[in-house]
Amino acid sequence: MNINKIPSLNKLVHELSRLPGIGPKSAQRLAYHILRSPNEFVLSLRDALKAVKEKIHECPICYSFTEEHESCHFCSDPMRTNEVLCVVEDPADIERVESSGVFRGRYHVLHGALSPLDGISPQDLKIQALLDRLEPSAEGIAPVQEVILALDADLEGDTTVLYLAKILKDMNIKTSRIAHGVPIGGDIDYIDYRTLGRAIENRVQV
């Protein structure tokens, strides 16, 4: 079957290939899977795509995604502490932090990282909104005592960490970054030099 002679299928493959991590061949396999699927599945998929665009919005406090009418679950949960704020790049990173089961503070989503080469500057991220959350109250008491930077250990993440660390130091707010290094159960023989170097830098006393 020549897909080029089926315009609607060709368009579906094209749209699927625009998804991150989906190449042309994967998009073609997905398109044929959808084509062969029952109408109920296709309608359910359509409704799910429509629902996420119509019902989900950014939380006005942390800028994660939510279906709640106002703030998200993490911002409205009275059992979480306001003294520690975890800064992440993307909303999906919150679920990864939550899976650790040890963090009970609040979150702030930047929606990206600084990348001068790609034209992404501080104005393109939720950095000013972060600084607004850190401003002291009328009584001079800072609402947040510590900011944890849970950003990726790549060039963009490192650039963002350095930028935020300088600003937060001037604001006299304790700033930390999640440790990076050898994973639990990892074999040092198979650890790349950059990860091993970061692990040595982040060593702890035993």
N, C-alpha and C. Protein backbone atom coordinates (compact mmCIF):
# COMPACT_ATOMS: atom_id res chain seq x y z
N MET A 1 0.85 -1.20 0.00
CA MET A 1 0.00 0.00 0.00
C MET A 1 0.89 1.24 0.00
N ASN A 2 0.69 2.10 -0.96
CA ASN A 2 1.47 3.33 -1.07
C ASN A 2 0.79 4.43 -0.26
N ILE A 3 1.41 4.79 0.86
CA ILE A 3 0.79 5.76 1.75
C ILE A 3 0.64 7.12 1.10
N ASN A 4 1.51 7.42 0.12
CA ASN A 4 1.43 8.72 -0.54
C ASN A 4 0.16 8.89 -1.35
N LYS A 5 -0.51 7.79 -1.65
CA LYS A 5 -1.75 7.87 -2.42
C LYS A 5 -2.98 7.89 -1.51
N ILE A 6 -2.76 7.96 -0.20
CA ILE A 6 -3.86 8.05 0.75
C ILE A 6 -3.66 9.32 1.56
N PRO A 7 -4.15 10.44 1.08
CA PRO A 7 -3.88 11.74 1.72
C PRO A 7 -4.20 11.80 3.20
N SER A 8 -5.35 11.26 3.62
CA SER A 8 -5.74 11.35 5.03
C SER A 8 -4.78 10.57 5.93
N LEU A 9 -4.34 9.40 5.46
CA LEU A 9 -3.39 8.60 6.23
C LEU A 9 -2.02 9.27 6.26
N ASN A 10 -1.65 9.84 5.13
CA ASN A 10 -0.38 10.55 5.04
C ASN A 10 -0.35 11.74 6.00
N LYS A 11 -1.48 12.43 6.12
CA LYS A 11 -1.55 13.57 7.03
C LYS A 11 -1.45 13.12 8.48
N LEU A 12 -2.08 11.99 8.80
CA LEU A 12 -2.01 11.46 10.15
C LEU A 12 -0.57 11.11 10.51
N VAL A 13 0.13 10.46 9.60
CA VAL A 13 1.54 10.13 9.83
C VAL A 13 2.35 11.40 10.05
N HIS A 14 2.09 12.40 9.25
CA HIS A 14 2.82 13.67 9.38
C HIS A 14 2.59 14.30 10.75
N GLU A 15 1.34 14.33 11.20
CA GLU A 15 1.03 14.95 12.49
C GLU A 15 1.63 14.15 13.65
N LEU A 16 1.58 12.83 13.57
CA LEU A 16 2.15 11.99 14.62
C LEU A 16 3.67 12.14 14.69
N SER A 17 4.30 12.32 13.54
CA SER A 17 5.76 12.45 13.51
C SER A 17 6.23 13.75 14.13
N ARG A 18 5.32 14.69 14.35
CA ARG A 18 5.67 15.95 15.00
C ARG A 18 5.76 15.82 16.52
N LEU A 19 5.28 14.69 17.06
CA LEU A 19 5.37 14.45 18.49
C LEU A 19 6.82 14.17 18.88
N PRO A 20 7.26 14.62 20.06
CA PRO A 20 8.65 14.38 20.49
C PRO A 20 8.93 12.90 20.64
N GLY A 21 10.06 12.47 20.11
CA GLY A 21 10.45 11.07 20.23
C GLY A 21 9.81 10.14 19.22
N ILE A 22 8.99 10.68 18.33
CA ILE A 22 8.31 9.87 17.31
C ILE A 22 8.90 10.18 15.95
N GLY A 23 9.62 9.21 15.38
CA GLY A 23 10.18 9.37 14.05
C GLY A 23 9.19 8.95 12.98
N PRO A 24 9.55 9.10 11.72
CA PRO A 24 8.65 8.75 10.61
C PRO A 24 8.14 7.31 10.65
N LYS A 25 9.02 6.35 10.94
CA LYS A 25 8.60 4.95 10.96
C LYS A 25 7.66 4.66 12.13
N SER A 26 7.98 5.22 13.31
CA SER A 26 7.09 5.04 14.46
C SER A 26 5.74 5.68 14.19
N ALA A 27 5.75 6.85 13.56
CA ALA A 27 4.50 7.53 13.23
C ALA A 27 3.67 6.70 12.25
N GLN A 28 4.33 6.06 11.32
CA GLN A 28 3.61 5.22 10.36
C GLN A 28 2.98 4.02 11.05
N ARG A 29 3.73 3.39 11.98
CA ARG A 29 3.18 2.25 12.72
C ARG A 29 1.98 2.67 13.55
N LEU A 30 2.08 3.81 14.20
CA LEU A 30 0.96 4.30 15.01
C LEU A 30 -0.25 4.61 14.14
N ALA A 31 0.01 5.20 12.98
CA ALA A 31 -1.09 5.56 12.08
C ALA A 31 -1.84 4.32 11.61
N TYR A 32 -1.11 3.27 11.26
CA TYR A 32 -1.76 2.04 10.82
C TYR A 32 -2.48 1.36 11.97
N HIS A 33 -1.92 1.48 13.18
CA HIS A 33 -2.60 0.92 14.35
C HIS A 33 -3.94 1.62 14.56
N ILE A 34 -3.93 2.93 14.47
CA ILE A 34 -5.17 3.70 14.63
C ILE A 34 -6.16 3.34 13.52
N LEU A 35 -5.66 3.18 12.31
CA LEU A 35 -6.52 2.85 11.17
C LEU A 35 -7.21 1.51 11.37
N ARG A 36 -6.48 0.55 11.95
CA ARG A 36 -7.03 -0.80 12.12
C ARG A 36 -7.87 -0.93 13.40
N SER A 37 -7.80 0.07 14.28
CA SER A 37 -8.49 -0.02 15.56
C SER A 37 -10.00 0.18 15.40
N PRO A 38 -10.80 -0.33 16.34
CA PRO A 38 -12.25 -0.13 16.29
C PRO A 38 -12.59 1.35 16.41
N ASN A 39 -13.75 1.72 15.93
CA ASN A 39 -14.18 3.11 15.98
C ASN A 39 -14.25 3.63 17.42
N GLU A 40 -14.58 2.73 18.37
CA GLU A 40 -14.68 3.15 19.77
C GLU A 40 -13.35 3.68 20.28
N PHE A 41 -12.26 3.02 19.88
CA PHE A 41 -10.93 3.47 20.32
C PHE A 41 -10.60 4.83 19.72
N VAL A 42 -10.87 4.98 18.45
CA VAL A 42 -10.57 6.24 17.77
C VAL A 42 -11.37 7.39 18.37
N LEU A 43 -12.66 7.14 18.65
CA LEU A 43 -13.50 8.18 19.26
C LEU A 43 -13.02 8.52 20.66
N SER A 44 -12.61 7.49 21.41
CA SER A 44 -12.10 7.71 22.76
C SER A 44 -10.80 8.53 22.73
N LEU A 45 -9.93 8.23 21.77
CA LEU A 45 -8.68 8.97 21.61
C LEU A 45 -8.96 10.43 21.23
N ARG A 46 -9.93 10.61 20.34
CA ARG A 46 -10.32 11.97 19.94
C ARG A 46 -10.84 12.76 21.14
N ASP A 47 -11.70 12.12 21.93
CA ASP A 47 -12.27 12.80 23.09
C ASP A 47 -11.20 13.15 24.13
N ALA A 48 -10.22 12.24 24.29
CA ALA A 48 -9.14 12.48 25.25
C ALA A 48 -8.28 13.66 24.82
N LEU A 49 -7.99 13.75 23.53
CA LEU A 49 -7.19 14.86 23.00
C LEU A 49 -7.94 16.18 23.16
N LYS A 50 -9.23 16.13 22.90
CA LYS A 50 -10.05 17.34 23.02
C LYS A 50 -10.15 17.78 24.48
N ALA A 51 -10.28 16.81 25.39
CA ALA A 51 -10.46 17.12 26.81
C ALA A 51 -9.23 17.80 27.41
N VAL A 52 -8.03 17.33 27.05
CA VAL A 52 -6.83 17.92 27.65
C VAL A 52 -6.64 19.37 27.20
N LYS A 53 -7.12 19.70 26.00
CA LYS A 53 -6.99 21.07 25.53
C LYS A 53 -8.07 21.97 26.12
N GLU A 54 -9.24 21.41 26.40
CA GLU A 54 -10.35 22.22 26.89
C GLU A 54 -10.39 22.33 28.41
N LYS A 55 -9.93 21.29 29.13
CA LYS A 55 -10.11 21.26 30.58
C LYS A 55 -8.84 21.61 31.37
N ILE A 56 -7.68 21.34 30.80
CA ILE A 56 -6.45 21.54 31.55
C ILE A 56 -5.90 22.95 31.32
N HIS A 57 -5.45 23.56 32.41
CA HIS A 57 -4.87 24.90 32.33
C HIS A 57 -3.72 25.00 33.32
N GLU A 58 -2.98 26.08 33.25
CA GLU A 58 -1.87 26.29 34.17
C GLU A 58 -2.37 26.73 35.53
N CYS A 59 -1.78 26.19 36.57
CA CYS A 59 -2.07 26.65 37.92
C CYS A 59 -1.55 28.07 38.06
N PRO A 60 -2.34 28.99 38.57
CA PRO A 60 -1.91 30.39 38.68
C PRO A 60 -0.83 30.62 39.72
N ILE A 61 -0.52 29.60 40.52
CA ILE A 61 0.50 29.76 41.56
C ILE A 61 1.83 29.13 41.14
N CYS A 62 1.81 27.85 40.80
CA CYS A 62 3.06 27.15 40.50
C CYS A 62 3.30 26.94 39.01
N TYR A 63 2.26 27.15 38.19
CA TYR A 63 2.34 27.01 36.74
C TYR A 63 2.48 25.57 36.25
N SER A 64 2.09 24.62 37.12
CA SER A 64 1.94 23.25 36.66
C SER A 64 0.60 23.16 35.94
N PHE A 65 0.25 21.98 35.44
CA PHE A 65 -1.04 21.79 34.78
C PHE A 65 -2.05 21.24 35.77
N THR A 66 -3.30 21.65 35.63
CA THR A 66 -4.34 21.17 36.52
C THR A 66 -5.70 21.26 35.85
N GLU A 67 -6.64 20.46 36.36
CA GLU A 67 -8.03 20.54 35.93
C GLU A 67 -8.88 21.21 37.00
N GLU A 68 -8.26 21.52 38.14
CA GLU A 68 -8.98 22.19 39.21
C GLU A 68 -9.43 23.58 38.76
N HIS A 69 -10.48 24.09 39.39
CA HIS A 69 -11.00 25.39 39.01
C HIS A 69 -10.01 26.51 39.32
N GLU A 70 -9.25 26.36 40.41
CA GLU A 70 -8.29 27.40 40.77
C GLU A 70 -6.89 26.80 40.81
N SER A 71 -6.29 26.73 42.01
CA SER A 71 -4.93 26.20 42.11
C SER A 71 -4.91 24.68 42.03
N CYS A 72 -3.73 24.14 41.74
CA CYS A 72 -3.58 22.70 41.59
C CYS A 72 -3.58 22.00 42.95
N HIS A 73 -3.55 20.69 42.92
CA HIS A 73 -3.57 19.88 44.15
C HIS A 73 -2.38 20.19 45.05
N PHE A 74 -1.20 20.36 44.46
CA PHE A 74 0.01 20.58 45.26
C PHE A 74 -0.01 21.94 45.94
N CYS A 75 -0.61 22.94 45.31
CA CYS A 75 -0.66 24.27 45.90
C CYS A 75 -1.77 24.41 46.94
N SER A 76 -2.82 23.64 46.80
CA SER A 76 -3.96 23.75 47.71
C SER A 76 -3.91 22.76 48.88
N ASP A 77 -2.97 21.81 48.83
CA ASP A 77 -2.86 20.79 49.88
C ASP A 77 -2.37 21.44 51.18
N PRO A 78 -3.20 21.48 52.23
CA PRO A 78 -2.80 22.12 53.49
C PRO A 78 -1.74 21.34 54.26
N MET A 79 -1.48 20.09 53.87
CA MET A 79 -0.52 19.26 54.58
C MET A 79 0.91 19.48 54.08
N ARG A 80 1.09 20.26 53.02
CA ARG A 80 2.43 20.51 52.49
C ARG A 80 2.99 21.78 53.10
N THR A 81 4.31 21.82 53.28
CA THR A 81 4.95 22.98 53.89
C THR A 81 5.19 24.08 52.86
N ASN A 82 5.08 25.32 53.30
CA ASN A 82 5.33 26.47 52.43
C ASN A 82 6.78 26.94 52.50
N GLU A 83 7.57 26.35 53.40
CA GLU A 83 8.92 26.83 53.64
C GLU A 83 9.94 26.36 52.61
N VAL A 84 9.61 25.29 51.88
CA VAL A 84 10.54 24.75 50.89
C VAL A 84 9.87 24.72 49.52
N LEU A 85 10.56 25.27 48.53
CA LEU A 85 10.02 25.35 47.17
C LEU A 85 10.94 24.61 46.22
N CYS A 86 10.40 23.66 45.48
CA CYS A 86 11.17 22.89 44.52
C CYS A 86 10.91 23.44 43.12
N VAL A 87 11.96 23.87 42.45
CA VAL A 87 11.85 24.45 41.11
C VAL A 87 12.21 23.40 40.07
N VAL A 88 11.31 23.17 39.11
CA VAL A 88 11.52 22.19 38.06
C VAL A 88 11.34 22.84 36.69
N GLU A 89 11.79 22.15 35.67
CA GLU A 89 11.69 22.69 34.32
C GLU A 89 10.30 22.51 33.72
N ASP A 90 9.75 21.32 33.88
CA ASP A 90 8.48 20.98 33.24
C ASP A 90 7.50 20.38 34.24
N PRO A 91 6.19 20.50 33.97
CA PRO A 91 5.19 19.92 34.87
C PRO A 91 5.39 18.42 35.11
N ALA A 92 5.85 17.70 34.09
CA ALA A 92 6.06 16.25 34.25
C ALA A 92 7.12 15.94 35.29
N ASP A 93 8.04 16.88 35.53
CA ASP A 93 9.10 16.66 36.51
C ASP A 93 8.54 16.57 37.93
N ILE A 94 7.40 17.20 38.17
CA ILE A 94 6.79 17.14 39.51
C ILE A 94 6.46 15.70 39.87
N GLU A 95 5.91 14.95 38.94
CA GLU A 95 5.55 13.56 39.23
C GLU A 95 6.80 12.74 39.54
N ARG A 96 7.91 13.07 38.89
CA ARG A 96 9.15 12.33 39.15
C ARG A 96 9.67 12.63 40.55
N VAL A 97 9.58 13.89 40.97
CA VAL A 97 10.00 14.25 42.32
C VAL A 97 9.07 13.59 43.34
N GLU A 98 7.77 13.63 43.06
CA GLU A 98 6.79 13.05 43.96
C GLU A 98 7.00 11.54 44.14
N SER A 99 7.48 10.88 43.08
CA SER A 99 7.67 9.43 43.15
C SER A 99 8.73 9.05 44.17
N SER A 100 9.58 10.02 44.56
CA SER A 100 10.60 9.73 45.58
C SER A 100 9.96 9.54 46.95
N GLY A 101 8.80 10.16 47.16
CA GLY A 101 8.10 10.02 48.42
C GLY A 101 8.70 10.77 49.59
N VAL A 102 9.67 11.66 49.34
CA VAL A 102 10.35 12.33 50.46
C VAL A 102 10.14 13.85 50.46
N PHE A 103 9.61 14.40 49.39
CA PHE A 103 9.44 15.85 49.34
C PHE A 103 7.99 16.22 49.67
N ARG A 104 7.82 17.15 50.63
CA ARG A 104 6.48 17.57 51.03
C ARG A 104 6.32 19.08 50.99
N GLY A 105 7.10 19.73 50.14
CA GLY A 105 6.99 21.18 50.00
C GLY A 105 6.12 21.56 48.81
N ARG A 106 6.34 22.76 48.31
CA ARG A 106 5.59 23.26 47.15
C ARG A 106 6.48 23.23 45.91
N TYR A 107 5.87 23.53 44.77
CA TYR A 107 6.59 23.48 43.49
C TYR A 107 6.48 24.79 42.73
N HIS A 108 7.42 24.97 41.79
CA HIS A 108 7.33 26.06 40.82
C HIS A 108 7.89 25.55 39.51
N VAL A 109 7.13 25.70 38.43
CA VAL A 109 7.51 25.20 37.12
C VAL A 109 7.99 26.35 36.24
N LEU A 110 9.20 26.23 35.72
CA LEU A 110 9.76 27.28 34.86
C LEU A 110 9.27 27.19 33.42
N HIS A 111 8.84 26.02 33.01
CA HIS A 111 8.45 25.75 31.61
C HIS A 111 9.63 25.93 30.68
N GLY A 112 10.73 25.28 31.04
CA GLY A 112 11.91 25.30 30.19
C GLY A 112 13.16 25.66 30.96
N ALA A 113 14.25 25.86 30.23
CA ALA A 113 15.53 26.25 30.82
C ALA A 113 16.19 27.27 29.91
N LEU A 114 17.09 28.04 30.49
CA LEU A 114 17.77 29.08 29.72
C LEU A 114 18.63 28.45 28.62
N SER A 115 18.53 28.99 27.43
CA SER A 115 19.32 28.49 26.31
C SER A 115 19.55 29.64 25.32
N PRO A 116 20.62 30.42 25.54
CA PRO A 116 20.90 31.56 24.66
C PRO A 116 20.99 31.18 23.18
N LEU A 117 21.53 29.99 22.90
CA LEU A 117 21.67 29.57 21.51
C LEU A 117 20.31 29.36 20.84
N ASP A 118 19.32 28.99 21.64
CA ASP A 118 17.97 28.79 21.10
C ASP A 118 17.09 30.02 21.30
N GLY A 119 17.68 31.08 21.82
CA GLY A 119 16.93 32.31 22.02
C GLY A 119 16.00 32.29 23.21
N ILE A 120 16.23 31.39 24.17
CA ILE A 120 15.39 31.30 25.37
C ILE A 120 16.05 32.09 26.49
N SER A 121 15.45 33.20 26.85
CA SER A 121 15.99 34.10 27.86
C SER A 121 15.14 34.03 29.13
N PRO A 122 15.55 34.70 30.20
CA PRO A 122 14.75 34.69 31.44
C PRO A 122 13.32 35.16 31.25
N GLN A 123 13.12 36.06 30.30
CA GLN A 123 11.77 36.56 30.05
C GLN A 123 10.84 35.51 29.44
N ASP A 124 11.43 34.45 28.87
CA ASP A 124 10.63 33.40 28.25
C ASP A 124 10.20 32.33 29.25
N LEU A 125 10.74 32.40 30.46
CA LEU A 125 10.43 31.41 31.49
C LEU A 125 9.65 32.06 32.63
N LYS A 126 9.20 31.23 33.56
CA LYS A 126 8.43 31.72 34.71
C LYS A 126 9.36 32.13 35.85
N ILE A 127 10.43 32.84 35.50
CA ILE A 127 11.42 33.24 36.51
C ILE A 127 10.92 34.43 37.33
N GLN A 128 10.33 35.41 36.67
CA GLN A 128 9.82 36.56 37.43
C GLN A 128 8.71 36.14 38.37
N ALA A 129 7.88 35.20 37.93
CA ALA A 129 6.82 34.70 38.80
C ALA A 129 7.42 34.00 40.02
N LEU A 130 8.55 33.32 39.82
CA LEU A 130 9.25 32.67 40.94
C LEU A 130 9.74 33.71 41.93
N LEU A 131 10.36 34.77 41.41
CA LEU A 131 10.90 35.82 42.29
C LEU A 131 9.78 36.52 43.05
N ASP A 132 8.63 36.66 42.40
CA ASP A 132 7.48 37.29 43.08
C ASP A 132 7.02 36.43 44.27
N ARG A 133 7.10 35.11 44.12
CA ARG A 133 6.69 34.22 45.20
C ARG A 133 7.66 34.27 46.38
N LEU A 134 8.88 34.71 46.11
CA LEU A 134 9.91 34.72 47.15
C LEU A 134 10.03 36.05 47.87
N GLU A 135 9.23 37.03 47.45
CA GLU A 135 9.30 38.34 48.09
C GLU A 135 8.80 38.25 49.54
N PRO A 136 9.49 38.92 50.46
CA PRO A 136 9.06 38.90 51.87
C PRO A 136 7.68 39.51 52.03
N SER A 137 6.97 39.12 53.08
CA SER A 137 5.66 39.67 53.38
C SER A 137 5.79 41.06 53.96
N ALA A 138 4.67 41.69 54.28
CA ALA A 138 4.68 43.04 54.85
C ALA A 138 5.43 43.06 56.18
N GLU A 139 5.46 41.91 56.87
CA GLU A 139 6.17 41.83 58.15
C GLU A 139 7.65 41.56 57.97
N GLY A 140 8.08 41.48 56.69
CA GLY A 140 9.49 41.23 56.42
C GLY A 140 9.89 39.77 56.51
N ILE A 141 8.91 38.88 56.59
CA ILE A 141 9.18 37.45 56.70
C ILE A 141 9.08 36.80 55.31
N ALA A 142 10.13 36.13 54.91
CA ALA A 142 10.13 35.45 53.61
C ALA A 142 9.23 34.22 53.68
N PRO A 143 8.30 34.06 52.75
CA PRO A 143 7.40 32.90 52.78
C PRO A 143 8.12 31.59 52.52
N VAL A 144 9.26 31.66 51.81
CA VAL A 144 10.03 30.46 51.48
C VAL A 144 11.41 30.56 52.12
N GLN A 145 11.81 29.50 52.83
CA GLN A 145 13.10 29.48 53.51
C GLN A 145 14.19 28.82 52.67
N GLU A 146 13.79 27.91 51.78
CA GLU A 146 14.78 27.21 50.94
C GLU A 146 14.19 26.93 49.57
N VAL A 147 15.03 27.10 48.55
CA VAL A 147 14.65 26.77 47.19
C VAL A 147 15.53 25.62 46.72
N ILE A 148 14.90 24.54 46.29
CA ILE A 148 15.62 23.38 45.75
C ILE A 148 15.51 23.43 44.23
N LEU A 149 16.64 23.48 43.55
CA LEU A 149 16.65 23.53 42.09
C LEU A 149 16.77 22.10 41.56
N ALA A 150 15.66 21.55 41.08
CA ALA A 150 15.63 20.19 40.54
C ALA A 150 15.62 20.26 39.03
N LEU A 151 16.72 20.75 38.47
CA LEU A 151 16.82 20.95 37.03
C LEU A 151 17.74 19.90 36.42
N ASP A 152 17.63 19.72 35.12
CA ASP A 152 18.43 18.71 34.43
C ASP A 152 19.92 19.02 34.54
N ALA A 153 20.73 17.98 34.53
CA ALA A 153 22.19 18.13 34.62
C ALA A 153 22.79 18.23 33.22
N ASP A 154 22.26 19.18 32.43
CA ASP A 154 22.81 19.43 31.10
C ASP A 154 23.22 20.90 31.01
N LEU A 155 23.67 21.33 29.84
CA LEU A 155 24.16 22.69 29.69
C LEU A 155 23.09 23.72 30.02
N GLU A 156 21.87 23.50 29.53
CA GLU A 156 20.77 24.43 29.79
C GLU A 156 20.40 24.46 31.26
N GLY A 157 20.36 23.27 31.87
CA GLY A 157 20.03 23.19 33.28
C GLY A 157 21.08 23.86 34.15
N ASP A 158 22.35 23.64 33.82
CA ASP A 158 23.44 24.25 34.57
C ASP A 158 23.41 25.77 34.43
N THR A 159 23.13 26.25 33.22
CA THR A 159 23.06 27.69 32.99
C THR A 159 21.95 28.32 33.82
N THR A 160 20.80 27.64 33.86
CA THR A 160 19.66 28.15 34.63
C THR A 160 19.96 28.14 36.12
N VAL A 161 20.61 27.10 36.59
CA VAL A 161 20.97 27.00 38.01
C VAL A 161 21.90 28.15 38.41
N LEU A 162 22.92 28.41 37.61
CA LEU A 162 23.86 29.49 37.91
C LEU A 162 23.15 30.83 37.94
N TYR A 163 22.24 31.04 36.99
CA TYR A 163 21.50 32.31 36.92
C TYR A 163 20.62 32.50 38.15
N LEU A 164 19.87 31.45 38.51
CA LEU A 164 18.97 31.55 39.66
C LEU A 164 19.74 31.62 40.98
N ALA A 165 20.84 30.88 41.07
CA ALA A 165 21.62 30.87 42.31
C ALA A 165 22.14 32.26 42.64
N LYS A 166 22.57 32.99 41.62
CA LYS A 166 23.08 34.35 41.84
C LYS A 166 21.98 35.26 42.35
N ILE A 167 20.81 35.18 41.74
CA ILE A 167 19.69 36.03 42.15
C ILE A 167 19.24 35.68 43.56
N LEU A 168 19.13 34.40 43.85
CA LEU A 168 18.64 33.96 45.16
C LEU A 168 19.65 34.27 46.27
N LYS A 169 20.93 34.25 45.92
CA LYS A 169 21.94 34.62 46.91
C LYS A 169 21.78 36.08 47.31
N ASP A 170 21.49 36.92 46.33
CA ASP A 170 21.26 38.34 46.62
C ASP A 170 20.00 38.55 47.46
N MET A 171 19.05 37.62 47.35
CA MET A 171 17.82 37.71 48.14
C MET A 171 17.96 37.07 49.51
N ASN A 172 19.15 36.52 49.78
CA ASN A 172 19.44 35.88 51.07
C ASN A 172 18.51 34.70 51.34
N ILE A 173 18.27 33.89 50.29
CA ILE A 173 17.44 32.69 50.43
C ILE A 173 18.32 31.46 50.24
N LYS A 174 18.21 30.52 51.15
CA LYS A 174 18.99 29.29 51.04
C LYS A 174 18.64 28.57 49.75
N THR A 175 19.68 28.21 48.98
CA THR A 175 19.47 27.57 47.69
C THR A 175 20.28 26.29 47.60
N SER A 176 19.65 25.23 47.16
CA SER A 176 20.33 23.95 46.98
C SER A 176 19.93 23.35 45.64
N ARG A 177 20.72 22.39 45.22
CA ARG A 177 20.42 21.69 43.97
C ARG A 177 20.43 20.19 44.24
N ILE A 178 19.53 19.47 43.61
CA ILE A 178 19.50 18.02 43.81
C ILE A 178 20.84 17.43 43.37
N ALA A 179 21.29 16.42 44.12
CA ALA A 179 22.57 15.79 43.82
C ALA A 179 22.49 14.98 42.53
N HIS A 180 23.61 14.95 41.83
CA HIS A 180 23.70 14.14 40.61
C HIS A 180 24.93 13.25 40.73
N GLY A 181 24.82 12.04 40.24
CA GLY A 181 25.98 11.16 40.31
C GLY A 181 25.62 9.71 40.06
N VAL A 182 26.35 8.81 40.71
CA VAL A 182 26.17 7.38 40.49
C VAL A 182 24.81 6.94 41.02
N PRO A 183 23.97 6.32 40.19
CA PRO A 183 22.64 5.89 40.66
C PRO A 183 22.74 4.71 41.60
N ILE A 184 21.71 4.54 42.43
CA ILE A 184 21.66 3.39 43.34
C ILE A 184 21.66 2.10 42.53
N GLY A 185 22.55 1.20 42.89
CA GLY A 185 22.66 -0.07 42.16
C GLY A 185 23.53 0.02 40.93
N GLY A 186 24.08 1.23 40.66
CA GLY A 186 24.90 1.41 39.47
C GLY A 186 26.29 0.82 39.63
N ASP A 187 26.84 0.32 38.53
CA ASP A 187 28.20 -0.23 38.50
C ASP A 187 29.14 0.86 38.02
N ILE A 188 30.14 1.20 38.83
CA ILE A 188 31.04 2.31 38.50
C ILE A 188 31.78 2.07 37.18
N ASP A 189 31.91 0.79 36.77
CA ASP A 189 32.59 0.49 35.52
C ASP A 189 31.84 1.03 34.30
N TYR A 190 30.54 1.26 34.48
CA TYR A 190 29.73 1.68 33.33
C TYR A 190 29.23 3.12 33.46
N ILE A 191 29.78 3.86 34.41
CA ILE A 191 29.38 5.25 34.60
C ILE A 191 30.24 6.16 33.74
N ASP A 192 29.62 7.07 32.97
CA ASP A 192 30.39 7.97 32.12
C ASP A 192 31.17 8.97 32.98
N TYR A 193 32.20 9.56 32.39
CA TYR A 193 33.12 10.41 33.15
C TYR A 193 32.43 11.65 33.72
N ARG A 194 31.45 12.21 32.99
CA ARG A 194 30.78 13.42 33.47
C ARG A 194 29.93 13.12 34.71
N THR A 195 29.22 11.99 34.67
CA THR A 195 28.41 11.59 35.82
C THR A 195 29.30 11.27 37.01
N LEU A 196 30.41 10.58 36.76
CA LEU A 196 31.33 10.24 37.84
C LEU A 196 31.95 11.50 38.45
N GLY A 197 32.28 12.46 37.60
CA GLY A 197 32.83 13.72 38.09
C GLY A 197 31.84 14.46 38.96
N ARG A 198 30.56 14.47 38.54
CA ARG A 198 29.53 15.13 39.33
C ARG A 198 29.33 14.40 40.66
N ALA A 199 29.44 13.09 40.65
CA ALA A 199 29.29 12.32 41.88
C ALA A 199 30.41 12.65 42.87
N ILE A 200 31.62 12.81 42.37
CA ILE A 200 32.75 13.15 43.24
C ILE A 200 32.55 14.56 43.82
N GLU A 201 32.07 15.48 42.99
CA GLU A 201 31.81 16.84 43.46
C GLU A 201 30.73 16.86 44.53
N ASN A 202 29.76 15.96 44.41
CA ASN A 202 28.63 15.94 45.34
C ASN A 202 28.82 14.89 46.45
N ARG A 203 30.07 14.50 46.71
CA ARG A 203 30.33 13.48 47.70
C ARG A 203 29.85 13.92 49.09
N VAL A 204 29.51 12.93 49.91
CA VAL A 204 29.05 13.21 51.27
C VAL A 204 29.92 12.45 52.27
N GLN A 205 30.02 12.97 53.46
CA GLN A 205 30.81 12.32 54.50
C GLN A 205 30.07 11.12 55.05
N VAL A 206 30.81 10.03 55.32
CA VAL A 206 30.22 8.81 55.86
C VAL A 206 30.81 8.50 57.22
